Protein backbone atom coordinates (compact mmCIF):
# COMPACT_ATOMS: atom_id res chain seq x y z
CA MET A 1 10.06 -63.64 25.36
CA GLY A 2 10.96 -66.98 25.05
CA LYS A 3 14.54 -68.69 24.32
CA VAL A 4 15.12 -68.34 20.01
CA ALA A 5 16.00 -72.27 19.09
CA LEU A 6 15.54 -71.87 15.63
CA ALA A 7 15.92 -69.17 13.03
CA GLY A 8 16.86 -68.65 9.55
CA SER A 9 15.86 -67.46 5.98
CA LEU A 10 12.89 -68.84 4.09
CA GLY A 11 15.23 -68.86 1.12
CA PHE A 12 17.46 -71.73 2.82
CA LEU A 13 14.24 -73.66 4.64
CA SER A 14 11.08 -74.03 3.30
CA LEU A 15 8.20 -74.05 5.47
CA GLY A 16 7.90 -78.13 5.42
CA ASP A 17 11.19 -78.34 6.48
CA ILE A 18 10.97 -76.12 9.17
CA LEU A 19 7.89 -78.02 10.60
CA GLN A 20 9.69 -81.20 10.42
CA LEU A 21 12.65 -79.74 12.16
CA VAL A 22 10.84 -77.82 14.84
CA GLY A 23 8.56 -80.78 15.34
CA SER A 24 10.81 -84.00 15.55
CA GLY A 25 12.26 -81.76 18.19
CA GLY A 26 9.41 -82.16 20.34
CA GLY A 27 9.25 -78.16 20.84
CA SER A 28 6.74 -76.03 22.60
CA GLY A 29 6.63 -72.49 21.71
CA LEU A 30 5.82 -69.75 18.87
CA LEU A 31 7.18 -70.02 15.02
CA ARG A 32 6.43 -66.66 13.69
CA ILE A 33 7.01 -65.96 9.64
CA PHE A 34 7.86 -62.92 8.35
CA SER A 35 7.37 -61.73 4.70
CA PRO A 36 8.11 -58.46 2.78
CA TYR A 37 4.96 -58.88 1.12
CA ALA A 38 3.10 -59.01 4.48
CA HIS A 39 1.67 -56.38 6.60
CA GLU A 40 2.02 -59.01 9.68
CA PRO A 41 4.17 -62.14 10.53
CA GLY A 42 2.24 -65.67 10.11
CA CYS A 43 2.34 -67.59 13.58
CA ILE A 44 2.22 -71.05 13.96
CA TYR A 45 1.76 -72.70 17.87
CA PHE A 46 3.31 -75.87 18.63
CA LYS A 47 2.99 -77.99 21.64
CA LYS A 48 5.14 -81.08 22.11
CA GLY A 49 6.09 -81.10 18.50
CA ASN A 50 2.32 -81.14 17.52
CA ILE A 51 0.76 -78.07 15.44
CA ILE A 52 -2.32 -76.59 17.53
CA ASP A 53 -3.17 -73.46 16.03
CA ALA A 54 -1.66 -71.03 13.36
CA HIS A 55 -2.67 -67.62 12.37
CA ALA A 56 -2.13 -65.46 9.07
CA PRO A 57 -3.62 -62.39 7.63
CA GLY A 58 -6.95 -63.41 7.19
CA ALA A 59 -7.23 -66.79 7.68
CA ARG A 60 -6.71 -68.83 11.24
CA GLY A 61 -6.15 -72.63 11.89
CA LEU A 62 -5.38 -75.30 9.16
CA GLU A 63 -6.23 -72.53 6.39
CA ALA A 64 -3.50 -70.32 7.87
CA VAL A 65 -1.11 -73.04 7.93
CA TYR A 66 -1.30 -73.99 4.30
CA ALA A 67 -1.40 -70.16 3.64
CA LEU A 68 1.76 -69.71 4.91
CA PHE A 69 3.02 -72.25 2.68
CA GLY A 70 3.13 -69.66 -0.32
CA TRP A 71 5.21 -67.36 1.76
CA LEU A 72 8.57 -68.08 -0.17
CA GLU A 73 10.46 -65.02 0.66
CA GLY A 74 11.34 -63.89 4.60
CA ASP A 75 12.58 -64.67 7.59
CA PHE A 76 11.13 -67.18 10.55
CA GLU A 77 12.21 -67.52 13.95
CA PHE A 78 11.33 -70.45 16.52
CA GLN A 79 10.71 -69.40 20.65
CA GLU A 80 10.71 -71.85 22.62
CA ARG A 81 8.04 -71.06 25.41
CA PRO A 82 5.28 -72.28 27.37
CA VAL A 83 2.07 -72.55 25.03
CA SER A 84 -1.52 -71.84 26.60
CA THR A 85 -3.50 -71.44 22.96
CA LYS A 86 -6.20 -74.05 22.93
CA ARG A 87 -5.68 -76.59 20.74
CA ILE A 88 -7.94 -76.13 17.26
CA ILE A 89 -5.85 -78.20 14.98
CA THR A 90 -5.93 -81.85 15.46
CA THR A 91 -4.24 -83.23 12.12
CA ASN A 92 -0.44 -84.69 12.29
CA ARG A 93 2.56 -82.48 11.55
CA MET A 94 3.47 -85.09 8.82
CA GLU A 95 -0.29 -84.88 6.83
CA ILE A 96 -0.13 -81.14 7.10
CA ILE A 97 2.95 -80.90 5.53
CA LEU A 98 1.98 -83.45 2.86
CA GLU A 99 -1.13 -81.88 2.17
CA GLY A 100 0.49 -77.93 2.35
CA LEU A 101 3.07 -78.82 -0.40
CA ARG A 102 0.38 -81.01 -2.51
CA LEU A 103 -1.79 -77.84 -2.37
CA PHE A 104 1.08 -75.35 -3.35
CA ASP A 105 2.23 -77.49 -6.29
CA ASP A 106 -1.45 -77.52 -7.57
CA GLY A 107 -1.50 -74.11 -7.71
CA ARG A 108 -4.41 -73.69 -4.86
CA ILE A 109 -2.08 -71.60 -2.27
CA LYS A 110 -1.59 -67.98 -3.08
CA THR A 111 2.24 -67.13 -3.64
CA LEU A 112 3.97 -64.53 -1.59
CA GLY A 113 7.09 -63.38 -3.15
CA PRO A 114 8.77 -64.52 -6.15
CA PRO A 115 7.26 -67.34 -8.11
CA PRO A 116 9.21 -69.99 -9.07
CA LEU A 117 10.93 -69.86 -12.16
CA GLU A 118 9.47 -73.10 -13.72
CA LYS A 119 6.28 -74.53 -12.84
CA ASN A 120 5.19 -77.81 -13.98
CA VAL A 121 1.63 -79.18 -14.74
CA PRO A 122 1.15 -81.27 -11.34
CA ASP A 123 -0.11 -85.05 -11.61
CA PRO A 124 -2.97 -85.24 -9.08
CA ALA A 125 -2.35 -89.13 -8.79
CA ALA A 126 1.40 -88.66 -8.34
CA PRO A 127 2.69 -90.80 -5.50
CA PRO A 128 4.03 -88.63 -2.62
CA PHE A 129 7.59 -87.25 -2.61
CA ILE A 130 9.46 -88.14 0.19
CA ARG A 131 12.98 -86.54 1.12
CA ARG A 132 14.65 -84.69 3.91
CA HIS A 133 17.43 -81.71 3.65
CA PHE A 134 20.00 -82.99 6.14
CA ILE A 135 22.20 -85.89 5.48
CA ASP A 136 24.38 -87.12 8.13
CA TYR A 137 27.06 -88.72 6.63
CA THR A 138 28.88 -90.35 9.39
CA TYR A 139 27.37 -93.53 8.97
CA VAL A 140 27.91 -93.79 5.34
CA VAL A 141 30.65 -96.22 4.30
CA ASP A 142 30.23 -96.37 0.83
CA GLU A 143 28.50 -95.26 -2.39
CA GLU A 144 26.96 -96.35 -5.44
CA LEU A 145 25.50 -94.69 -8.57
CA TYR A 146 22.62 -95.79 -10.43
CA ALA A 147 21.71 -94.76 -13.62
CA ALA A 148 17.74 -93.25 -14.30
CA GLY A 149 15.59 -96.32 -14.73
CA GLU A 150 17.77 -98.87 -13.25
CA LEU A 151 16.71 -101.02 -10.47
CA VAL A 152 18.30 -100.83 -7.60
CA THR A 153 16.38 -103.74 -5.50
CA GLN A 154 13.66 -106.25 -6.08
CA GLU A 155 10.71 -107.12 -4.02
CA LYS A 156 11.15 -110.68 -2.70
CA HIS A 157 14.71 -110.82 -2.86
CA HIS A 158 17.23 -111.00 0.13
CA GLY A 159 19.41 -108.27 0.82
CA ASN A 160 20.25 -106.34 4.67
CA TRP A 161 21.91 -103.35 3.08
CA ILE A 162 20.15 -99.91 3.97
CA TRP A 163 20.98 -97.04 2.05
CA VAL A 164 20.31 -93.10 2.68
CA VAL A 165 19.69 -90.88 -1.04
CA LEU A 166 22.48 -88.67 -1.60
CA GLU A 167 21.15 -87.31 -4.85
CA GLY A 168 18.27 -88.00 -7.08
CA THR A 169 14.90 -89.54 -7.22
CA LEU A 170 13.73 -93.13 -6.98
CA ASP A 171 10.37 -94.66 -6.69
CA ILE A 172 9.22 -97.40 -4.59
CA ILE A 173 7.08 -100.18 -6.05
CA ARG A 174 5.15 -102.92 -5.21
CA SER A 175 3.67 -105.81 -7.70
CA THR A 176 -0.12 -106.40 -7.75
CA PRO A 177 -2.15 -108.56 -9.59
CA ARG A 178 -3.24 -105.21 -11.56
CA GLY A 179 0.27 -104.32 -12.19
CA ARG A 180 2.68 -102.14 -10.97
CA LEU A 181 1.58 -99.57 -8.22
CA THR A 182 4.09 -96.88 -7.44
CA VAL A 183 3.71 -96.29 -3.28
CA SER A 184 5.96 -93.15 -2.72
CA ARG A 185 9.05 -91.51 -4.57
CA VAL A 186 12.07 -90.52 -2.26
CA GLY A 187 14.63 -88.29 -2.81
CA PRO A 188 17.87 -87.07 -0.43
CA GLY A 189 18.15 -87.60 3.12
CA ALA A 190 15.29 -90.50 2.73
CA PHE A 191 15.86 -94.12 3.61
CA ILE A 192 15.90 -97.44 1.70
CA GLY A 193 15.79 -100.80 3.32
CA SER A 194 13.95 -101.95 6.53
CA VAL A 195 15.20 -101.96 10.48
CA THR A 196 14.90 -105.88 10.19
CA ALA A 197 18.35 -105.61 8.86
CA PHE A 198 19.44 -104.96 12.54
CA LEU A 199 18.15 -108.16 13.81
CA PHE A 200 20.94 -110.40 11.62
CA GLN A 201 18.49 -112.61 9.95
CA GLU A 202 17.84 -113.28 6.53
CA ASN A 203 15.62 -110.11 5.18
CA THR A 204 13.21 -110.23 2.56
CA ARG A 205 12.59 -107.02 0.26
CA LYS A 206 9.06 -105.77 0.84
CA ALA A 207 9.22 -103.36 -2.70
CA THR A 208 11.13 -102.71 -6.14
CA VAL A 209 13.20 -99.39 -5.67
CA THR A 210 13.89 -98.21 -9.28
CA ALA A 211 16.21 -95.21 -9.97
CA THR A 212 13.84 -92.42 -11.98
CA THR A 213 17.02 -90.03 -12.04
CA ASP A 214 20.68 -90.56 -12.00
CA VAL A 215 21.05 -91.63 -8.19
CA GLN A 216 24.05 -91.91 -5.74
CA LEU A 217 23.39 -93.69 -2.74
CA GLY A 218 25.07 -94.24 0.67
CA ILE A 219 25.44 -97.14 1.71
CA LEU A 220 25.20 -97.00 5.81
CA ASP A 221 27.05 -99.11 8.45
CA ILE A 222 24.60 -101.82 9.15
CA GLN A 223 27.13 -103.72 11.87
CA ARG A 224 27.54 -100.20 13.68
CA MET A 225 23.78 -99.86 13.76
CA SER A 226 23.43 -103.38 14.49
CA LYS A 227 25.35 -102.60 17.64
CA GLU A 228 23.79 -99.92 18.55
CA PHE A 229 20.20 -101.01 18.12
CA ALA A 230 21.12 -104.08 20.61
CA MET A 231 21.99 -101.73 23.49
CA LEU A 232 18.55 -100.00 23.46
CA SER A 233 15.87 -101.18 26.00
CA PRO A 234 13.71 -104.08 24.72
CA ALA A 235 10.76 -101.75 24.57
CA PHE A 236 12.50 -99.23 22.63
CA ARG A 237 13.76 -101.92 20.03
CA GLY A 238 9.99 -103.28 20.13
CA TYR A 239 8.80 -100.10 19.40
CA ILE A 240 10.71 -99.42 16.24
CA LEU A 241 10.18 -102.80 14.96
CA SER A 242 6.13 -102.25 15.35
CA LEU A 243 6.83 -98.93 13.42
CA ASP A 244 8.55 -101.17 10.80
CA ARG A 245 5.51 -103.32 10.72
CA ARG A 246 2.86 -101.00 11.01
CA LEU A 247 4.75 -99.63 7.75
CA SER A 248 4.60 -102.87 6.00
CA GLN A 249 0.66 -103.17 6.74
CA VAL A 250 -0.28 -99.75 5.37
CA THR A 251 1.53 -100.34 2.10
CA GLY A 252 -0.43 -103.58 2.31
CA ALA A 253 -3.37 -101.85 2.54
CA CYS A 254 -2.49 -99.85 -0.58
CA VAL A 255 -2.04 -102.81 -2.54
CA ASN A 256 -5.46 -104.16 -1.40
CA TYR A 257 -7.14 -101.01 -2.48
CA TYR A 258 -5.01 -100.62 -5.82
CA ASN A 259 -6.78 -104.28 -6.36
CA ARG A 260 -10.33 -103.16 -5.42
CA ILE A 261 -9.87 -105.88 -2.18
CA ASP A 262 -11.64 -104.73 1.10
CA THR A 263 -10.49 -106.62 4.18
CA LEU A 264 -12.22 -104.08 6.49
CA PRO A 265 -15.41 -106.53 7.62
CA LYS A 266 -13.86 -109.66 7.90
CA VAL A 267 -11.10 -107.95 9.78
CA ILE A 268 -13.44 -106.35 12.17
CA ARG A 269 -16.04 -108.91 12.12
CA ASP A 270 -15.39 -110.14 15.83
CA LYS A 271 -13.88 -106.85 17.32
CA ALA A 272 -15.20 -104.08 19.23
CA LEU A 273 -14.06 -100.59 19.62
CA MET A 274 -12.04 -99.58 21.64
CA PRO A 275 -13.31 -96.48 23.91
CA PRO A 276 -11.34 -93.55 22.79
CA ARG A 277 -10.32 -92.32 26.68
CA THR A 278 -8.03 -95.85 26.34
CA LEU A 279 -5.71 -93.84 23.78
CA LYS A 280 -5.44 -90.50 25.37
CA GLU A 281 -2.56 -88.65 24.24
CA GLY A 282 0.57 -89.41 26.06
CA ARG A 283 -0.52 -93.31 26.53
CA LEU A 284 1.32 -95.92 25.02
CA LEU A 285 0.23 -99.50 25.22
CA ARG A 286 2.09 -102.92 23.86
CA ILE A 287 -0.25 -105.59 22.63
CA GLU A 288 0.63 -108.91 24.47
CA ARG A 289 -2.21 -110.93 23.46
CA GLY A 290 -5.20 -110.48 20.48
CA HIS A 291 -5.68 -108.03 17.61
CA ALA A 292 -6.34 -104.32 16.94
CA ALA A 293 -7.59 -102.96 13.76
CA MET A 294 -6.87 -99.56 13.06
CA THR A 295 -9.52 -97.58 11.23
CA ARG A 296 -9.90 -94.51 9.48
CA LYS A 297 -13.48 -92.75 8.50
CA THR A 298 -13.78 -90.89 5.31
CA GLU A 299 -15.94 -89.24 3.44
CA HIS A 300 -15.57 -91.95 0.63
CA GLY A 301 -15.51 -95.34 2.87
CA THR A 302 -13.72 -96.70 5.90
CA LEU A 303 -10.16 -97.37 5.90
CA LEU A 304 -8.30 -100.30 7.27
CA ILE A 305 -5.06 -98.96 8.11
CA ALA A 306 -3.51 -101.83 9.62
CA ASN A 307 -4.31 -105.02 11.70
CA LEU A 308 -1.85 -104.82 14.90
CA GLY A 309 -1.11 -108.29 16.84
CA GLU A 310 1.15 -109.46 19.63
CA GLY A 311 4.22 -107.02 20.17
CA ASP A 312 3.04 -103.95 18.35
CA TYR A 313 2.37 -100.90 20.11
CA LEU A 314 -0.90 -98.32 20.36
CA GLY A 315 -0.73 -94.66 21.19
CA THR A 316 1.59 -92.28 21.17
CA VAL A 317 5.35 -91.01 21.97
CA PRO A 318 6.08 -87.30 22.88
CA PHE A 319 8.83 -87.14 20.06
CA LEU A 320 7.26 -88.81 16.96
CA ASP A 321 4.22 -88.19 14.86
CA ILE A 322 2.86 -90.76 12.26
CA GLY A 323 -0.88 -89.25 12.19
CA HIS A 324 -2.59 -92.24 13.51
CA GLU A 325 -4.14 -92.57 17.35
CA PRO A 326 -5.51 -90.91 19.23
CA HIS A 327 -6.94 -88.21 16.67
CA GLN A 328 -6.99 -89.52 13.39
CA VAL A 329 -8.13 -93.18 13.97
CA SER A 330 -10.40 -95.25 15.25
CA VAL A 331 -9.28 -98.66 17.05
CA PHE A 332 -11.17 -102.08 17.31
CA VAL A 333 -9.68 -104.63 19.22
CA SER A 334 -10.58 -108.20 19.56
CA GLY A 335 -12.32 -109.79 22.48
CA ASP A 336 -9.29 -111.69 24.11
CA VAL A 337 -7.30 -108.37 23.55
CA LYS A 338 -4.52 -108.03 26.62
CA THR A 339 -1.90 -104.83 26.77
CA THR A 340 0.52 -103.45 28.82
CA ASP A 341 1.22 -99.54 29.40
CA ILE A 342 4.69 -98.47 28.31
CA ASP A 343 6.80 -95.31 29.30
CA ALA A 344 6.72 -93.20 26.92
CA GLY A 345 9.06 -90.93 28.85
CA SER A 346 11.50 -93.60 28.74
CA LEU A 347 11.60 -94.17 25.11
CA GLU A 348 11.75 -89.91 25.34
CA SER A 349 15.13 -90.14 26.75
CA GLU A 350 16.90 -92.96 25.04
CA TYR A 351 15.80 -91.25 21.63
CA GLU A 352 17.16 -87.93 22.30
CA ASP A 353 20.52 -89.80 23.08
CA LEU A 354 20.34 -91.80 19.89
CA PRO A 355 23.06 -90.40 16.70
CA LEU A 356 21.29 -88.70 14.18
CA THR A 357 21.37 -90.99 11.71
CA PHE A 358 19.17 -93.47 14.00
CA LYS A 359 17.07 -90.62 14.78
CA ASN A 360 16.79 -89.70 10.61
CA LEU A 361 15.71 -93.35 10.27
CA ILE A 362 13.02 -93.76 12.98
CA GLU A 363 11.34 -90.45 11.45
CA ASN A 364 12.22 -91.49 7.95
CA ILE A 365 9.43 -94.62 8.95
CA ALA A 366 6.73 -92.27 10.35
CA VAL A 367 6.87 -89.79 7.47
CA ASN A 368 6.29 -92.91 5.39
CA ILE A 369 3.53 -93.98 7.38
CA ALA A 370 1.86 -90.93 7.46
CA ALA A 371 2.41 -90.79 3.58
CA THR A 372 1.25 -93.78 2.61
CA THR A 373 -1.76 -93.90 5.04
CA ASN A 374 -2.63 -90.97 1.96
CA VAL A 375 -2.11 -93.09 -0.79
CA ALA A 376 -4.20 -95.59 0.79
CA GLY A 377 -7.26 -93.38 1.18
CA ASN A 378 -6.71 -92.00 -2.41
CA LEU A 379 -6.92 -95.59 -3.54
CA LEU A 380 -9.98 -96.22 -1.57
CA LYS A 381 -11.35 -93.15 -3.42
CA GLN A 382 -10.35 -94.01 -6.83
CA ASN A 383 -11.42 -97.77 -6.71
CA ARG A 384 -14.79 -97.42 -4.61
CA VAL A 385 -13.67 -99.77 -2.04
CA GLY A 386 -14.51 -99.35 1.93
CA ARG A 387 -18.16 -98.99 1.51
CA GLY A 388 -19.39 -101.94 3.36
CA PRO A 389 -21.41 -103.31 4.64
CA TYR A 390 -19.97 -102.98 8.20
CA PRO A 391 -21.31 -102.60 11.70
CA PRO A 392 -23.11 -99.35 12.71
CA GLY A 393 -20.95 -96.33 13.12
CA ILE A 394 -18.23 -97.07 10.86
CA GLY A 395 -19.29 -96.46 7.07
CA PRO A 396 -18.85 -93.16 5.11
CA LEU A 397 -18.86 -90.07 6.81
CA LYS A 398 -22.40 -88.09 6.22
CA SER A 399 -20.77 -84.57 5.58
CA LYS A 400 -17.58 -83.83 3.66
CA VAL A 401 -14.28 -84.06 5.84
CA GLU A 402 -12.88 -80.39 6.32
């Protein structure tokens, strides 16, 4: 038996919240879900924060994880212990959470326990809803109120504030030649603003933010956070800024696909596929020269996620999962690319010492990257782009993606 690190009621925390808590802590062990409506518990196995396998009555693997989203009543317990279970789930944690919530909202997951009092008909084109249950108020220095429909901040305007959503929901919107594109909807615990505000330079807003309900926002102590950011190692500061740039690139991909623009043939024209073994799990690289294009092959075409450059990072860290390399993307690099290995373990040590708000902010970027990548994939499908012509081996999948 291992040490019980987390336990509680499903009435207090949903499965999505539990998966995020266990995963963000980088835990390894067994999460058991108990329901009075099931004759045996559901089991989800974690290794270094990644979901690697799962069992539920009549199901295994990813199917079992999704089935457990329907367990609304009962208890859970996470035991930290060594895990020898073979990894059969390679989908990243945030994609699993977002897809599980979507399937549940669509009524495609059987409910165990009392059904919700109200059931809204889901909109299949609705943007992902991003929120967190836990809010750290220690960095909130002021609060602002906005009425439903009111503008919070405007794309291409200047501003260095970073807000945390205390109550209500807001839409994150990009302007495009075809009109406004809602990239995501955020709720309590989510952040609005860019970490580039820590650099004490003029910061241009990358999106318009509008309140969809009455909203209460907390203004974060940017001076305090900037000082703490400056105390981080250059490698960790670079990693955080690289995440922010990657999110901007993924959002740009959404805009392109919404406007039926496919830049992939041009971007990868002079690039070669990086051997998958180069980005084996646990390896982190910083690009010193050249470029690296991140692509994802889907049944509807090949998705260009981002085109990274000097100062950007490739690979994985033990404390964060953005749903890209090494399992979910292919990387094409320019002939002049030069990279340096970064000690991911050192970054993890720094991360563990960060205040909760800083951790939440970094995880918020990761969640947005994973969610926005899915939006880009949906837009590729809807607008029938990403079909080539491409070099051999990166066109649409020949069989349906599971």
